[in-house]
Protein backbone atom coordinates (compact mmCIF):
# COMPACT_ATOMS: atom_id res chain seq x y z
CA MET A 1 27.17 5.77 0.63
CA THR A 2 23.70 6.27 1.23
CA GLU A 3 20.96 3.74 -0.42
CA PRO A 4 19.56 4.40 -3.59
CA LEU A 5 15.57 5.89 -3.72
CA TYR A 6 14.56 2.97 -6.16
CA SER A 7 16.49 0.10 -5.10
CA LEU A 8 16.74 -3.08 -7.05
CA ASP A 9 14.64 -4.42 -4.12
CA VAL A 10 12.23 -1.78 -5.32
CA LEU A 11 12.10 -2.18 -8.63
CA ARG A 12 11.79 -6.34 -8.25
CA LEU A 13 8.85 -5.51 -5.97
CA ALA A 14 6.91 -3.02 -8.56
CA ALA A 15 7.50 -5.13 -11.22
CA SER A 16 5.34 -7.88 -9.53
CA THR A 17 2.37 -5.85 -9.45
CA ALA A 18 1.89 -7.14 -13.02
CA ASP A 19 -0.14 -9.84 -11.72
CA LEU A 20 -2.71 -7.91 -9.65
CA HIS A 21 -5.70 -6.94 -11.49
CA ARG A 22 -9.27 -5.88 -10.67
CA LEU A 23 -12.10 -8.10 -8.95
CA GLU A 24 -15.20 -9.01 -11.03
CA SER A 25 -17.49 -8.21 -8.08
CA PRO A 26 -15.82 -6.57 -4.79
CA GLN A 27 -17.63 -5.58 -1.79
CA ALA A 28 -15.89 -2.13 -2.05
CA SER A 29 -13.63 -0.09 -3.94
CA VAL A 30 -11.31 2.73 -3.30
CA GLU A 31 -9.35 4.38 -5.95
CA LYS A 32 -6.64 7.20 -4.14
CA ARG A 33 -4.71 9.64 -6.04
CA SER A 34 -1.49 11.32 -5.17
CA PRO A 35 -1.63 15.35 -5.63
CA THR A 36 2.13 15.61 -5.74
CA CYS A 37 3.08 13.25 -8.40
CA GLY A 38 -0.36 11.63 -10.34
CA SER A 39 0.10 8.34 -8.92
CA ARG A 40 -3.41 6.84 -9.08
CA VAL A 41 -4.30 3.05 -6.93
CA ARG A 42 -7.49 1.65 -7.35
CA VAL A 43 -7.91 -1.33 -4.54
CA ASP A 44 -11.03 -3.52 -5.29
CA MET A 45 -11.82 -6.07 -1.91
CA ILE A 46 -14.20 -9.05 -0.48
CA VAL A 47 -14.05 -9.37 3.35
CA ASP A 48 -15.91 -12.27 5.24
CA ALA A 49 -18.10 -11.88 8.22
CA ASP A 50 -15.44 -10.67 10.63
CA GLY A 51 -14.24 -7.92 8.36
CA LYS A 52 -11.49 -9.70 7.64
CA VAL A 53 -10.32 -9.69 3.61
CA GLN A 54 -10.67 -12.73 2.00
CA ALA A 55 -9.94 -11.24 -1.88
CA LEU A 56 -8.19 -8.23 -2.90
CA GLY A 57 -7.33 -7.02 -6.79
CA ALA A 58 -6.23 -3.72 -7.53
CA GLU A 59 -5.47 -1.38 -10.63
CA LEU A 60 -2.79 1.03 -10.59
CA HIS A 61 -1.16 4.15 -12.30
CA ALA A 62 1.95 4.37 -10.31
CA CYS A 63 5.63 5.29 -9.59
CA ALA A 64 8.16 2.12 -8.88
CA LEU A 65 7.57 3.40 -5.03
CA GLY A 66 3.82 3.04 -5.54
CA GLN A 67 3.85 0.35 -7.16
CA ALA A 68 5.96 -1.40 -4.40
CA SER A 69 4.03 -0.49 -1.73
CA THR A 70 0.98 -2.18 -3.37
CA ALA A 71 3.32 -5.16 -3.81
CA LEU A 72 3.74 -4.98 -0.22
CA MET A 73 0.17 -4.68 0.74
CA ALA A 74 -1.54 -6.88 -1.52
CA ALA A 75 0.91 -9.72 -0.32
CA HIS A 76 0.27 -9.58 3.49
CA ALA A 77 -3.50 -8.39 3.26
CA GLN A 78 -5.04 -11.57 3.37
CA GLY A 79 -6.67 -12.37 6.66
CA ARG A 80 -6.32 -8.78 8.01
CA THR A 81 -9.25 -5.87 8.86
CA GLY A 82 -9.43 -2.39 7.85
CA ALA A 83 -8.15 -1.42 11.04
CA GLU A 84 -5.15 -3.57 11.12
CA ILE A 85 -4.22 -2.00 7.27
CA ALA A 86 -4.99 1.34 8.83
CA GLU A 87 -2.64 0.72 11.66
CA ALA A 88 0.18 -0.58 8.79
CA ARG A 89 -0.24 2.74 7.01
CA ASP A 90 -0.22 5.05 9.92
CA SER A 91 2.79 3.23 11.20
CA LEU A 92 4.31 3.51 7.53
CA ARG A 93 3.62 7.31 7.74
CA ALA A 94 5.55 7.57 10.75
CA PHE A 95 8.56 6.06 9.59
CA LEU A 96 8.91 7.96 6.36
CA LYS A 97 8.13 11.30 8.11
CA GLY A 98 10.75 10.35 10.73
CA GLU A 99 8.67 10.20 13.72
CA ALA A 100 9.93 6.23 13.71
CA GLU A 101 12.57 4.03 13.79
CA GLN A 102 11.00 1.46 12.31
CA PRO A 103 7.77 0.96 9.83
CA GLY A 104 5.71 -1.04 12.34
CA ASP A 105 5.11 -4.84 12.14
CA TRP A 106 3.89 -4.95 8.24
CA PRO A 107 6.41 -7.27 6.48
CA GLY A 108 9.07 -5.53 4.09
CA LEU A 109 8.40 -1.94 4.49
CA GLU A 110 12.11 -1.01 5.66
CA ILE A 111 12.64 -1.05 2.22
CA PHE A 112 11.58 2.59 1.82
CA ALA A 113 13.67 3.79 4.16
CA ALA A 114 15.58 5.93 1.43
CA ALA A 115 12.44 7.65 0.53
CA ARG A 116 12.30 9.44 3.95
CA ARG A 117 14.47 12.00 2.95
CA HIS A 118 12.06 12.73 0.15
CA THR A 119 8.85 13.98 1.31
CA GLY A 120 7.35 14.48 -2.10
CA ARG A 121 7.09 10.67 -2.54
CA HIS A 122 5.41 10.12 0.60
CA ALA A 123 2.11 10.30 -1.03
CA ALA A 124 2.85 7.65 -3.36
CA ILE A 125 4.13 5.03 -1.06
CA LEU A 126 1.23 5.32 1.06
CA LEU A 127 -1.56 5.15 -1.43
CA ALA A 128 -2.47 1.23 -1.36
CA PHE A 129 -2.45 1.29 2.11
CA GLU A 130 -4.93 4.22 2.43
CA ALA A 131 -7.08 2.80 -0.72
CA ALA A 132 -6.70 -0.82 1.26
CA ALA A 133 -7.94 0.61 4.48
CA GLU A 134 -10.97 2.49 3.36
CA ALA A 135 -12.00 -0.27 0.99
CA ALA A 136 -11.73 -3.13 3.92
CA THR A 137 -14.02 -0.71 6.57
CA ALA A 138 -16.27 0.05 3.51
CA ALA A 139 -16.41 -3.84 2.42
CA ALA A 140 -16.70 -4.54 6.48
CA GLY A 141 -20.09 -2.08 6.24
């Protein structure tokens, strides 16, 4: 039997995004939208002198998969650079496309294994990582 796309773990993660809020004075803010489903994620970022994430805020209007991905990104972004977040995004993309057997080192991304066969959902899953990588890089300026 195949794992459901919207598993209980995905739904739990999606529900956890209620605690995410925009930052008052971010160094950078980036919004990404999925042309496939219309999901939208805005990530606000503050980084330190070394370009490592010190504070992250987010606002999203996304499906449960996009929300779950945002929750995982936000939970583990602290102390990471834009390059590290971009590497996680690229590993996740390769995993979703079936080009890699594992989603990389970012904790929790294996939860999206069932989404691999749903190519129309990939963009929503990648949104938060795309916005965060761009915001962290812009904030590091």
